[in-house]
Amino acid sequence: MKKNNFKIIAGQIFINENRITTPHPVSEALEKDNLVIVRVDPPAGVIFNRNVYGITANGEILWQIQASLHGTQQDKPYTNILLNPDGLLIAENWNGVSYSVDIRNGEITTIAFDK
């Protein structure tokens, strides 16, 4: 499996030298199973809770993460993405919930309440 060459420059993501358009600036990215997983940061005052994407090597957005299932507040974007030691994609929410993300479709499963 070929690794993708990706980089973030001034909030824009480039995958294999192609600039990928996202609705907000990209704050972090990582690679898992030949996808580049990208988290964008919406500006203050903008509610955008599905702020993680799975993007293919050719720049196609394969999926957008499912919205957080927890919390009563309207604004609850994801604040961090990581690969755990078992290789699972984890998305953390500012309200203290961590989710395992299905790399095939962006669906989430609750794995921890941290607050």
PDB file of N, CA and C in Angstrom:
ATOM      1  N   MET A   1       0.846  -1.179   0.000  1.00  0.00           N
ATOM      2  CA  MET A   1       0.000   0.000   0.000  1.00  0.00           C
ATOM      3  C   MET A   1       0.893   1.245   0.000  1.00  0.00           C
ATOM      4  N   LYS A   2       0.706   2.122  -0.938  1.00  0.00           N
ATOM      5  CA  LYS A   2       1.485   3.343  -1.061  1.00  0.00           C
ATOM      6  C   LYS A   2       0.999   4.375  -0.052  1.00  0.00           C
ATOM      7  N   LYS A   3       1.931   5.017   0.624  1.00  0.00           N
ATOM      8  CA  LYS A   3       1.563   6.077   1.551  1.00  0.00           C
ATOM      9  C   LYS A   3       1.300   7.357   0.761  1.00  0.00           C
ATOM     10  N   ASN A   4       0.330   8.105   1.230  1.00  0.00           N
ATOM     11  CA  ASN A   4       0.030   9.386   0.617  1.00  0.00           C
ATOM     12  C   ASN A   4       0.991  10.434   1.138  1.00  0.00           C
ATOM     13  N   ASN A   5       1.386  11.331   0.278  1.00  0.00           N
ATOM     14  CA  ASN A   5       2.183  12.468   0.679  1.00  0.00           C
ATOM     15  C   ASN A   5       1.205  13.608   0.956  1.00  0.00           C
ATOM     16  N   PHE A   6       1.111  14.027   2.199  1.00  0.00           N
ATOM     17  CA  PHE A   6       0.204  15.128   2.493  1.00  0.00           C
ATOM     18  C   PHE A   6       0.885  16.156   3.378  1.00  0.00           C
ATOM     19  N   LYS A   7       0.415  17.394   3.276  1.00  0.00           N
ATOM     20  CA  LYS A   7       0.937  18.461   4.115  1.00  0.00           C
ATOM     21  C   LYS A   7      -0.138  19.521   4.291  1.00  0.00           C
ATOM     22  N   ILE A   8      -0.035  20.219   5.400  1.00  0.00           N
ATOM     23  CA  ILE A   8      -0.938  21.333   5.697  1.00  0.00           C
ATOM     24  C   ILE A   8      -0.117  22.604   5.582  1.00  0.00           C
ATOM     25  N   ILE A   9      -0.593  23.523   4.750  1.00  0.00           N
ATOM     26  CA  ILE A   9       0.071  24.815   4.586  1.00  0.00           C
ATOM     27  C   ILE A   9      -0.984  25.901   4.743  1.00  0.00           C
ATOM     28  N   ALA A  10      -0.819  26.724   5.759  1.00  0.00           N
ATOM     29  CA  ALA A  10      -1.723  27.859   6.010  1.00  0.00           C
ATOM     30  C   ALA A  10      -3.192  27.430   6.004  1.00  0.00           C
ATOM     31  N   GLY A  11      -3.488  26.314   6.666  1.00  0.00           N
ATOM     32  CA  GLY A  11      -4.868  25.862   6.789  1.00  0.00           C
ATOM     33  C   GLY A  11      -5.425  25.117   5.592  1.00  0.00           C
ATOM     34  N   GLN A  12      -4.585  24.862   4.589  1.00  0.00           N
ATOM     35  CA  GLN A  12      -5.024  24.116   3.411  1.00  0.00           C
ATOM     36  C   GLN A  12      -4.309  22.767   3.383  1.00  0.00           C
ATOM     37  N   ILE A  13      -5.019  21.735   2.943  1.00  0.00           N
ATOM     38  CA  ILE A  13      -4.435  20.396   2.857  1.00  0.00           C
ATOM     39  C   ILE A  13      -4.063  20.095   1.409  1.00  0.00           C
ATOM     40  N   PHE A  14      -2.874  19.546   1.230  1.00  0.00           N
ATOM     41  CA  PHE A  14      -2.395  19.109  -0.062  1.00  0.00           C
ATOM     42  C   PHE A  14      -2.135  17.611   0.053  1.00  0.00           C
ATOM     43  N   ILE A  15      -2.736  16.820  -0.831  1.00  0.00           N
ATOM     44  CA  ILE A  15      -2.536  15.382  -0.850  1.00  0.00           C
ATOM     45  C   ILE A  15      -1.943  15.024  -2.202  1.00  0.00           C
ATOM     46  N   ASN A  16      -0.754  14.423  -2.172  1.00  0.00           N
ATOM     47  CA  ASN A  16      -0.031  14.096  -3.410  1.00  0.00           C
ATOM     48  C   ASN A  16       0.051  15.309  -4.331  1.00  0.00           C
ATOM     49  N   GLU A  17       0.372  16.458  -3.727  1.00  0.00           N
ATOM     50  CA  GLU A  17       0.569  17.749  -4.401  1.00  0.00           C
ATOM     51  C   GLU A  17      -0.725  18.404  -4.892  1.00  0.00           C
ATOM     52  N   ASN A  18      -1.883  17.796  -4.649  1.00  0.00           N
ATOM     53  CA  ASN A  18      -3.160  18.391  -5.056  1.00  0.00           C
ATOM     54  C   ASN A  18      -3.808  19.091  -3.871  1.00  0.00           C
ATOM     55  N   ARG A  19      -4.208  20.335  -4.057  1.00  0.00           N
ATOM     56  CA  ARG A  19      -4.901  21.080  -3.009  1.00  0.00           C
ATOM     57  C   ARG A  19      -6.337  20.611  -2.932  1.00  0.00           C
ATOM     58  N   ILE A  20      -6.780  20.245  -1.727  1.00  0.00           N
ATOM     59  CA  ILE A  20      -8.141  19.763  -1.501  1.00  0.00           C
ATOM     60  C   ILE A  20      -8.926  20.880  -0.826  1.00  0.00           C
ATOM     61  N   THR A  21     -10.083  21.194  -1.359  1.00  0.00           N
ATOM     62  CA  THR A  21     -10.905  22.256  -0.801  1.00  0.00           C
ATOM     63  C   THR A  21     -11.711  21.738   0.382  1.00  0.00           C
ATOM     64  N   THR A  22     -11.619  22.425   1.504  1.00  0.00           N
ATOM     65  CA  THR A  22     -12.412  22.111   2.691  1.00  0.00           C
ATOM     66  C   THR A  22     -13.178  23.366   3.090  1.00  0.00           C
ATOM     67  N   PRO A  23     -14.292  23.204   3.826  1.00  0.00           N
ATOM     68  CA  PRO A  23     -15.110  24.366   4.145  1.00  0.00           C
ATOM     69  C   PRO A  23     -14.492  25.306   5.171  1.00  0.00           C
ATOM     70  N   HIS A  24     -13.498  24.829   5.924  1.00  0.00           N
ATOM     71  CA  HIS A  24     -12.824  25.632   6.951  1.00  0.00           C
ATOM     72  C   HIS A  24     -11.355  25.239   6.974  1.00  0.00           C
ATOM     73  N   PRO A  25     -10.510  26.034   7.612  1.00  0.00           N
ATOM     74  CA  PRO A  25      -9.085  25.709   7.652  1.00  0.00           C
ATOM     75  C   PRO A  25      -8.800  24.350   8.300  1.00  0.00           C
ATOM     76  N   VAL A  26      -7.836  23.648   7.734  1.00  0.00           N
ATOM     77  CA  VAL A  26      -7.423  22.349   8.254  1.00  0.00           C
ATOM     78  C   VAL A  26      -6.466  22.580   9.418  1.00  0.00           C
ATOM     79  N   SER A  27      -6.732  21.890  10.540  1.00  0.00           N
ATOM     80  CA  SER A  27      -5.866  22.046  11.698  1.00  0.00           C
ATOM     81  C   SER A  27      -4.989  20.829  11.941  1.00  0.00           C
ATOM     82  N   GLU A  28      -5.431  19.645  11.515  1.00  0.00           N
ATOM     83  CA  GLU A  28      -4.599  18.452  11.671  1.00  0.00           C
ATOM     84  C   GLU A  28      -5.022  17.391  10.665  1.00  0.00           C
ATOM     85  N   ALA A  29      -4.080  16.490  10.384  1.00  0.00           N
ATOM     86  CA  ALA A  29      -4.334  15.404   9.436  1.00  0.00           C
ATOM     87  C   ALA A  29      -3.445  14.229   9.798  1.00  0.00           C
ATOM     88  N   LEU A  30      -3.940  13.038   9.473  1.00  0.00           N
ATOM     89  CA  LEU A  30      -3.161  11.820   9.658  1.00  0.00           C
ATOM     90  C   LEU A  30      -3.595  10.819   8.609  1.00  0.00           C
ATOM     91  N   GLU A  31      -2.808   9.761   8.442  1.00  0.00           N
ATOM     92  CA  GLU A  31      -3.136   8.761   7.430  1.00  0.00           C
ATOM     93  C   GLU A  31      -3.500   7.439   8.093  1.00  0.00           C
ATOM     94  N   LYS A  32      -4.538   6.802   7.562  1.00  0.00           N
ATOM     95  CA  LYS A  32      -4.987   5.495   8.045  1.00  0.00           C
ATOM     96  C   LYS A  32      -5.587   4.749   6.865  1.00  0.00           C
ATOM     97  N   ASP A  33      -5.104   3.548   6.596  1.00  0.00           N
ATOM     98  CA  ASP A  33      -5.640   2.692   5.535  1.00  0.00           C
ATOM     99  C   ASP A  33      -5.782   3.419   4.204  1.00  0.00           C
ATOM    100  N   ASN A  34      -4.732   4.139   3.814  1.00  0.00           N
ATOM    101  CA  ASN A  34      -4.664   4.841   2.537  1.00  0.00           C
ATOM    102  C   ASN A  34      -5.650   6.007   2.418  1.00  0.00           C
ATOM    103  N   LEU A  35      -6.218   6.428   3.536  1.00  0.00           N
ATOM    104  CA  LEU A  35      -7.026   7.649   3.576  1.00  0.00           C
ATOM    105  C   LEU A  35      -6.275   8.705   4.370  1.00  0.00           C
ATOM    106  N   VAL A  36      -6.479   9.947   4.008  1.00  0.00           N
ATOM    107  CA  VAL A  36      -5.991  11.042   4.831  1.00  0.00           C
ATOM    108  C   VAL A  36      -7.192  11.539   5.623  1.00  0.00           C
ATOM    109  N   ILE A  37      -7.063  11.496   6.934  1.00  0.00           N
ATOM    110  CA  ILE A  37      -8.131  11.931   7.828  1.00  0.00           C
ATOM    111  C   ILE A  37      -7.805  13.362   8.223  1.00  0.00           C
ATOM    112  N   VAL A  38      -8.755  14.264   8.015  1.00  0.00           N
ATOM    113  CA  VAL A  38      -8.534  15.693   8.189  1.00  0.00           C
ATOM    114  C   VAL A  38      -9.555  16.248   9.178  1.00  0.00           C
ATOM    115  N   ARG A  39      -9.058  17.086  10.104  1.00  0.00           N
ATOM    116  CA  ARG A  39      -9.960  17.819  11.000  1.00  0.00           C
ATOM    117  C   ARG A  39      -9.842  19.295  10.669  1.00  0.00           C
ATOM    118  N   VAL A  40     -10.988  19.930  10.462  1.00  0.00           N
ATOM    119  CA  VAL A  40     -11.009  21.356  10.167  1.00  0.00           C
ATOM    120  C   VAL A  40     -11.516  22.121  11.393  1.00  0.00           C
ATOM    121  N   ASP A  41     -11.124  23.393  11.472  1.00  0.00           N
ATOM    122  CA  ASP A  41     -11.542  24.255  12.577  1.00  0.00           C
ATOM    123  C   ASP A  41     -12.484  25.335  12.062  1.00  0.00           C
ATOM    124  N   PRO A  42     -13.768  25.225  12.403  1.00  0.00           N
ATOM    125  CA  PRO A  42     -14.687  26.296  12.020  1.00  0.00           C
ATOM    126  C   PRO A  42     -14.385  27.541  12.853  1.00  0.00           C
ATOM    127  N   PRO A  43     -14.637  28.716  12.321  1.00  0.00           N
ATOM    128  CA  PRO A  43     -14.381  29.939  13.086  1.00  0.00           C
ATOM    129  C   PRO A  43     -15.354  30.080  14.261  1.00  0.00           C
ATOM    130  N   ALA A  44     -14.976  30.888  15.222  1.00  0.00           N
ATOM    131  CA  ALA A  44     -15.832  31.156  16.379  1.00  0.00           C
ATOM    132  C   ALA A  44     -17.197  31.652  15.902  1.00  0.00           C
ATOM    133  N   GLY A  45     -18.232  31.131  16.516  1.00  0.00           N
ATOM    134  CA  GLY A  45     -19.587  31.545  16.178  1.00  0.00           C
ATOM    135  C   GLY A  45     -20.229  30.725  15.068  1.00  0.00           C
ATOM    136  N   VAL A  46     -19.450  29.855  14.412  1.00  0.00           N
ATOM    137  CA  VAL A  46     -19.975  29.002  13.354  1.00  0.00           C
ATOM    138  C   VAL A  46     -20.145  27.599  13.914  1.00  0.00           C
ATOM    139  N   ILE A  47     -21.358  27.055  13.837  1.00  0.00           N
ATOM    140  CA  ILE A  47     -21.611  25.706  14.316  1.00  0.00           C
ATOM    141  C   ILE A  47     -21.379  24.736  13.160  1.00  0.00           C
ATOM    142  N   PHE A  48     -20.390  23.880  13.343  1.00  0.00           N
ATOM    143  CA  PHE A  48     -20.004  22.921  12.312  1.00  0.00           C
ATOM    144  C   PHE A  48     -19.464  21.690  13.036  1.00  0.00           C
ATOM    145  N   ASN A  49     -20.354  20.800  13.428  1.00  0.00           N
ATOM    146  CA  ASN A  49     -20.016  19.683  14.294  1.00  0.00           C
ATOM    147  C   ASN A  49     -19.463  18.461  13.572  1.00  0.00           C
ATOM    148  N   ARG A  50     -19.605  18.402  12.275  1.00  0.00           N
ATOM    149  CA  ARG A  50     -19.093  17.250  11.499  1.00  0.00           C
ATOM    150  C   ARG A  50     -17.795  17.664  10.815  1.00  0.00           C
ATOM    151  N   ASN A  51     -16.799  18.005  11.625  1.00  0.00           N
ATOM    152  CA  ASN A  51     -15.587  18.657  11.138  1.00  0.00           C
ATOM    153  C   ASN A  51     -14.400  17.721  10.910  1.00  0.00           C
ATOM    154  N   VAL A  52     -14.672  16.440  10.660  1.00  0.00           N
ATOM    155  CA  VAL A  52     -13.620  15.472  10.324  1.00  0.00           C
ATOM    156  C   VAL A  52     -14.020  14.771   9.032  1.00  0.00           C
ATOM    157  N   TYR A  53     -13.030  14.610   8.137  1.00  0.00           N
ATOM    158  CA  TYR A  53     -13.274  14.010   6.824  1.00  0.00           C
ATOM    159  C   TYR A  53     -12.279  12.896   6.544  1.00  0.00           C
ATOM    160  N   GLY A  54     -12.705  11.908   5.763  1.00  0.00           N
ATOM    161  CA  GLY A  54     -11.826  10.899   5.195  1.00  0.00           C
ATOM    162  C   GLY A  54     -11.669  11.204   3.722  1.00  0.00           C
ATOM    163  N   ILE A  55     -10.436  11.424   3.280  1.00  0.00           N
ATOM    164  CA  ILE A  55     -10.174  11.854   1.910  1.00  0.00           C
ATOM    165  C   ILE A  55      -9.255  10.841   1.227  1.00  0.00           C
ATOM    166  N   THR A  56      -9.611  10.440   0.005  1.00  0.00           N
ATOM    167  CA  THR A  56      -8.826   9.469  -0.751  1.00  0.00           C
ATOM    168  C   THR A  56      -7.568  10.116  -1.335  1.00  0.00           C
ATOM    169  N   ALA A  57      -6.682   9.273  -1.865  1.00  0.00           N
ATOM    170  CA  ALA A  57      -5.432   9.736  -2.463  1.00  0.00           C
ATOM    171  C   ALA A  57      -5.656  10.685  -3.632  1.00  0.00           C
ATOM    172  N   ASN A  58      -6.768  10.522  -4.347  1.00  0.00           N
ATOM    173  CA  ASN A  58      -7.042  11.403  -5.489  1.00  0.00           C
ATOM    174  C   ASN A  58      -7.869  12.628  -5.103  1.00  0.00           C
ATOM    175  N   GLY A  59      -8.086  12.839  -3.796  1.00  0.00           N
ATOM    176  CA  GLY A  59      -8.750  14.061  -3.337  1.00  0.00           C
ATOM    177  C   GLY A  59     -10.248  13.969  -3.160  1.00  0.00           C
ATOM    178  N   GLU A  60     -10.819  12.806  -3.340  1.00  0.00           N
ATOM    179  CA  GLU A  60     -12.262  12.640  -3.158  1.00  0.00           C
ATOM    180  C   GLU A  60     -12.583  12.545  -1.670  1.00  0.00           C
ATOM    181  N   ILE A  61     -13.559  13.329  -1.230  1.00  0.00           N
ATOM    182  CA  ILE A  61     -14.018  13.214   0.151  1.00  0.00           C
ATOM    183  C   ILE A  61     -14.913  11.993   0.217  1.00  0.00           C
ATOM    184  N   LEU A  62     -14.400  10.949   0.873  1.00  0.00           N
ATOM    185  CA  LEU A  62     -15.102   9.673   0.966  1.00  0.00           C
ATOM    186  C   LEU A  62     -16.211   9.724   2.010  1.00  0.00           C
ATOM    187  N   TRP A  63     -15.949  10.393   3.132  1.00  0.00           N
ATOM    188  CA  TRP A  63     -16.957  10.512   4.180  1.00  0.00           C
ATOM    189  C   TRP A  63     -16.713  11.745   5.038  1.00  0.00           C
ATOM    190  N   GLN A  64     -17.766  12.130   5.725  1.00  0.00           N
ATOM    191  CA  GLN A  64     -17.733  13.201   6.724  1.00  0.00           C
ATOM    192  C   GLN A  64     -18.231  12.567   8.017  1.00  0.00           C
ATOM    193  N   ILE A  65     -17.542  12.817   9.110  1.00  0.00           N
ATOM    194  CA  ILE A  65     -17.842  12.162  10.381  1.00  0.00           C
ATOM    195  C   ILE A  65     -19.286  12.411  10.824  1.00  0.00           C
ATOM    196  N   GLN A  66     -19.825  11.435  11.508  1.00  0.00           N
ATOM    197  CA  GLN A  66     -21.146  11.552  12.129  1.00  0.00           C
ATOM    198  C   GLN A  66     -21.047  12.565  13.274  1.00  0.00           C
ATOM    199  N   ALA A  67     -22.097  13.323  13.509  1.00  0.00           N
ATOM    200  CA  ALA A  67     -22.111  14.298  14.609  1.00  0.00           C
ATOM    201  C   ALA A  67     -22.100  13.579  15.954  1.00  0.00           C
ATOM    202  N   SER A  68     -21.518  14.236  16.938  1.00  0.00           N
ATOM    203  CA  SER A  68     -21.471  13.695  18.297  1.00  0.00           C
ATOM    204  C   SER A  68     -22.872  13.387  18.795  1.00  0.00           C
ATOM    205  N   LEU A  69     -22.994  12.260  19.469  1.00  0.00           N
ATOM    206  CA  LEU A  69     -24.294  11.807  19.975  1.00  0.00           C
ATOM    207  C   LEU A  69     -24.590  12.315  21.382  1.00  0.00           C
ATOM    208  N   HIS A  70     -23.621  12.994  22.017  1.00  0.00           N
ATOM    209  CA  HIS A  70     -23.758  13.359  23.419  1.00  0.00           C
ATOM    210  C   HIS A  70     -23.706  14.866  23.625  1.00  0.00           C
ATOM    211  N   GLY A  71     -24.329  15.294  24.719  1.00  0.00           N
ATOM    212  CA  GLY A  71     -24.330  16.707  25.079  1.00  0.00           C
ATOM    213  C   GLY A  71     -25.575  17.401  24.591  1.00  0.00           C
ATOM    214  N   THR A  72     -25.998  18.373  25.360  1.00  0.00           N
ATOM    215  CA  THR A  72     -27.210  19.113  25.005  1.00  0.00           C
ATOM    216  C   THR A  72     -26.900  20.398  24.253  1.00  0.00           C
ATOM    217  N   GLN A  73     -25.647  20.833  24.271  1.00  0.00           N
ATOM    218  CA  GLN A  73     -25.276  22.060  23.586  1.00  0.00           C
ATOM    219  C   GLN A  73     -25.324  21.852  22.074  1.00  0.00           C
ATOM    220  N   GLN A  74     -25.578  22.919  21.381  1.00  0.00           N
ATOM    221  CA  GLN A  74     -25.670  22.849  19.925  1.00  0.00           C
ATOM    222  C   GLN A  74     -24.281  22.774  19.274  1.00  0.00           C
ATOM    223  N   ASP A  75     -23.319  23.498  19.840  1.00  0.00           N
ATOM    224  CA  ASP A  75     -21.980  23.569  19.264  1.00  0.00           C
ATOM    225  C   ASP A  75     -21.069  22.557  19.960  1.00  0.00           C
ATOM    226  N   LYS A  76     -20.672  21.486  19.255  1.00  0.00           N
ATOM    227  CA  LYS A  76     -19.807  20.454  19.843  1.00  0.00           C
ATOM    228  C   LYS A  76     -18.933  19.790  18.784  1.00  0.00           C
ATOM    229  N   PRO A  77     -18.022  20.593  18.185  1.00  0.00           N
ATOM    230  CA  PRO A  77     -17.132  20.035  17.167  1.00  0.00           C
ATOM    231  C   PRO A  77     -16.088  19.112  17.789  1.00  0.00           C
ATOM    232  N   TYR A  78     -15.447  18.332  16.952  1.00  0.00           N
ATOM    233  CA  TYR A  78     -14.344  17.484  17.388  1.00  0.00           C
ATOM    234  C   TYR A  78     -13.097  18.352  17.529  1.00  0.00           C
ATOM    235  N   THR A  79     -12.302  18.071  18.564  1.00  0.00           N
ATOM    236  CA  THR A  79     -11.140  18.903  18.863  1.00  0.00           C
ATOM    237  C   THR A  79      -9.810  18.191  18.646  1.00  0.00           C
ATOM    238  N   ASN A  80      -9.838  16.887  18.409  1.00  0.00           N
ATOM    239  CA  ASN A  80      -8.605  16.137  18.232  1.00  0.00           C
ATOM    240  C   ASN A  80      -8.904  14.830  17.506  1.00  0.00           C
ATOM    241  N   ILE A  81      -7.969  14.413  16.662  1.00  0.00           N
ATOM    242  CA  ILE A  81      -8.027  13.082  16.052  1.00  0.00           C
ATOM    243  C   ILE A  81      -6.685  12.405  16.294  1.00  0.00           C
ATOM    244  N   LEU A  82      -6.726  11.084  16.478  1.00  0.00           N
ATOM    245  CA  LEU A  82      -5.499  10.342  16.724  1.00  0.00           C
ATOM    246  C   LEU A  82      -5.700   8.872  16.403  1.00  0.00           C
ATOM    247  N   LEU A  83      -4.598   8.165  16.267  1.00  0.00           N
ATOM    248  CA  LEU A  83      -4.639   6.715  16.138  1.00  0.00           C
ATOM    249  C   LEU A  83      -4.182   6.150  17.470  1.00  0.00           C
ATOM    250  N   ASN A  84      -5.006   5.297  18.088  1.00  0.00           N
ATOM    251  CA  ASN A  84      -4.617   4.715  19.367  1.00  0.00           C
ATOM    252  C   ASN A  84      -3.614   3.587  19.126  1.00  0.00           C
ATOM    253  N   PRO A  85      -3.044   3.004  20.189  1.00  0.00           N
ATOM    254  CA  PRO A  85      -2.043   1.943  20.002  1.00  0.00           C
ATOM    255  C   PRO A  85      -2.537   0.730  19.208  1.00  0.00           C
ATOM    256  N   ASP A  86      -3.854   0.505  19.188  1.00  0.00           N
ATOM    257  CA  ASP A  86      -4.414  -0.602  18.415  1.00  0.00           C
ATOM    258  C   ASP A  86      -4.696  -0.221  16.967  1.00  0.00           C
ATOM    259  N   GLY A  87      -4.396   1.035  16.591  1.00  0.00           N
ATOM    260  CA  GLY A  87      -4.618   1.492  15.227  1.00  0.00           C
ATOM    261  C   GLY A  87      -6.013   2.007  14.952  1.00  0.00           C
ATOM    262  N   LEU A  88      -6.846   2.152  15.999  1.00  0.00           N
ATOM    263  CA  LEU A  88      -8.192   2.700  15.813  1.00  0.00           C
ATOM    264  C   LEU A  88      -8.127   4.211  15.662  1.00  0.00           C
ATOM    265  N   LEU A  89      -8.948   4.731  14.768  1.00  0.00           N
ATOM    266  CA  LEU A  89      -9.069   6.174  14.630  1.00  0.00           C
ATOM    267  C   LEU A  89      -9.982   6.676  15.737  1.00  0.00           C
ATOM    268  N   ILE A  90      -9.492   7.626  16.521  1.00  0.00           N
ATOM    269  CA  ILE A  90     -10.244   8.194  17.636  1.00  0.00           C
ATOM    270  C   ILE A  90     -10.476   9.674  17.364  1.00  0.00           C
ATOM    271  N   ALA A  91     -11.704  10.123  17.575  1.00  0.00           N
ATOM    272  CA  ALA A  91     -12.043  11.544  17.500  1.00  0.00           C
ATOM    273  C   ALA A  91     -12.506  11.971  18.884  1.00  0.00           C
ATOM    274  N   GLU A  92     -11.894  13.023  19.388  1.00  0.00           N
ATOM    275  CA  GLU A  92     -12.252  13.520  20.713  1.00  0.00           C
ATOM    276  C   GLU A  92     -13.054  14.799  20.565  1.00  0.00           C
ATOM    277  N   ASN A  93     -14.020  14.931  21.448  1.00  0.00           N
ATOM    278  CA  ASN A  93     -14.945  16.047  21.425  1.00  0.00           C
ATOM    279  C   ASN A  93     -14.645  16.952  22.617  1.00  0.00           C
ATOM    280  N   TRP A  94     -14.866  18.245  22.482  1.00  0.00           N
ATOM    281  CA  TRP A  94     -14.533  19.159  23.570  1.00  0.00           C
ATOM    282  C   TRP A  94     -15.383  18.913  24.816  1.00  0.00           C
ATOM    283  N   ASN A  95     -16.496  18.198  24.674  1.00  0.00           N
ATOM    284  CA  ASN A  95     -17.339  17.922  25.841  1.00  0.00           C
ATOM    285  C   ASN A  95     -16.891  16.675  26.603  1.00  0.00           C
ATOM    286  N   GLY A  96     -15.703  16.135  26.271  1.00  0.00           N
ATOM    287  CA  GLY A  96     -15.117  15.049  27.046  1.00  0.00           C
ATOM    288  C   GLY A  96     -15.474  13.651  26.592  1.00  0.00           C
ATOM    289  N   VAL A  97     -15.970  13.487  25.397  1.00  0.00           N
ATOM    290  CA  VAL A  97     -16.322  12.168  24.898  1.00  0.00           C
ATOM    291  C   VAL A  97     -15.342  11.791  23.783  1.00  0.00           C
ATOM    292  N   SER A  98     -14.868  10.548  23.833  1.00  0.00           N
ATOM    293  CA  SER A  98     -13.998  10.021  22.774  1.00  0.00           C
ATOM    294  C   SER A  98     -14.772   8.971  21.988  1.00  0.00           C
ATOM    295  N   TYR A  99     -14.629   9.023  20.680  1.00  0.00           N
ATOM    296  CA  TYR A  99     -15.333   8.111  19.789  1.00  0.00           C
ATOM    297  C   TYR A  99     -14.350   7.352  18.917  1.00  0.00           C
ATOM    298  N   SER A 100     -14.636   6.087  18.675  1.00  0.00           N
ATOM    299  CA  SER A 100     -13.950   5.321  17.650  1.00  0.00           C
ATOM    300  C   SER A 100     -14.658   5.648  16.338  1.00  0.00           C
ATOM    301  N   VAL A 101     -13.884   5.909  15.295  1.00  0.00           N
ATOM    302  CA  VAL A 101     -14.459   6.287  14.003  1.00  0.00           C
ATOM    303  C   VAL A 101     -14.268   5.140  13.022  1.00  0.00           C
ATOM    304  N   ASP A 102     -15.350   4.717  12.388  1.00  0.00           N
ATOM    305  CA  ASP A 102     -15.280   3.678  11.366  1.00  0.00           C
ATOM    306  C   ASP A 102     -14.624   4.291  10.127  1.00  0.00           C
ATOM    307  N   ILE A 103     -13.465   3.788   9.790  1.00  0.00           N
ATOM    308  CA  ILE A 103     -12.663   4.338   8.703  1.00  0.00           C
ATOM    309  C   ILE A 103     -13.333   4.192   7.338  1.00  0.00           C
ATOM    310  N   ARG A 104     -14.331   3.315   7.240  1.00  0.00           N
ATOM    311  CA  ARG A 104     -15.013   3.095   5.960  1.00  0.00           C
ATOM    312  C   ARG A 104     -16.090   4.135   5.673  1.00  0.00           C
ATOM    313  N   ASN A 105     -16.704   4.710   6.753  1.00  0.00           N
ATOM    314  CA  ASN A 105     -17.863   5.572   6.511  1.00  0.00           C
ATOM    315  C   ASN A 105     -18.011   6.755   7.461  1.00  0.00           C
ATOM    316  N   GLY A 106     -17.137   6.923   8.449  1.00  0.00           N
ATOM    317  CA  GLY A 106     -17.205   8.055   9.356  1.00  0.00           C
ATOM    318  C   GLY A 106     -18.202   7.900  10.496  1.00  0.00           C
ATOM    319  N   GLU A 107     -18.814   6.730  10.637  1.00  0.00           N
ATOM    320  CA  GLU A 107     -19.744   6.510  11.754  1.00  0.00           C
ATOM    321  C   GLU A 107     -18.946   6.372  13.048  1.00  0.00           C
ATOM    322  N   ILE A 108     -19.538   6.817  14.145  1.00  0.00           N
ATOM    323  CA  ILE A 108     -18.827   6.823  15.419  1.00  0.00           C
ATOM    324  C   ILE A 108     -19.440   5.861  16.426  1.00  0.00           C
ATOM    325  N   THR A 109     -18.593   5.389  17.351  1.00  0.00           N
ATOM    326  CA  THR A 109     -18.999   4.557  18.474  1.00  0.00           C
ATOM    327  C   THR A 109     -18.339   5.132  19.717  1.00  0.00           C
ATOM    328  N   THR A 110     -19.111   5.370  20.758  1.00  0.00           N
ATOM    329  CA  THR A 110     -18.574   5.926  21.986  1.00  0.00           C
ATOM    330  C   THR A 110     -17.617   4.928  22.640  1.00  0.00           C
ATOM    331  N   ILE A 111     -16.440   5.421  23.052  1.00  0.00           N
ATOM    332  CA  ILE A 111     -15.499   4.538  23.747  1.00  0.00           C
ATOM    333  C   ILE A 111     -15.116   5.054  25.127  1.00  0.00           C
ATOM    334  N   ALA A 112     -15.264   6.368  25.399  1.00  0.00           N
ATOM    335  CA  ALA A 112     -14.882   6.881  26.717  1.00  0.00           C
ATOM    336  C   ALA A 112     -15.554   8.209  26.993  1.00  0.00           C
ATOM    337  N   PHE A 113     -15.913   8.403  28.259  1.00  0.00           N
ATOM    338  CA  PHE A 113     -16.360   9.699  28.769  1.00  0.00           C
ATOM    339  C   PHE A 113     -15.241  10.185  29.679  1.00  0.00           C
ATOM    340  N   ASP A 114     -14.579  11.260  29.294  1.00  0.00           N
ATOM    341  CA  ASP A 114     -13.384  11.707  30.002  1.00  0.00           C
ATOM    342  C   ASP A 114     -13.656  12.793  31.038  1.00  0.00           C
ATOM    343  N   LYS A 115     -14.874  13.282  31.132  1.00  0.00           N
ATOM    344  CA  LYS A 115     -15.165  14.336  32.118  1.00  0.00           C
ATOM    345  C   LYS A 115     -16.142  13.828  33.127  1.00  0.00           C
TER     346      LYS A 115
END
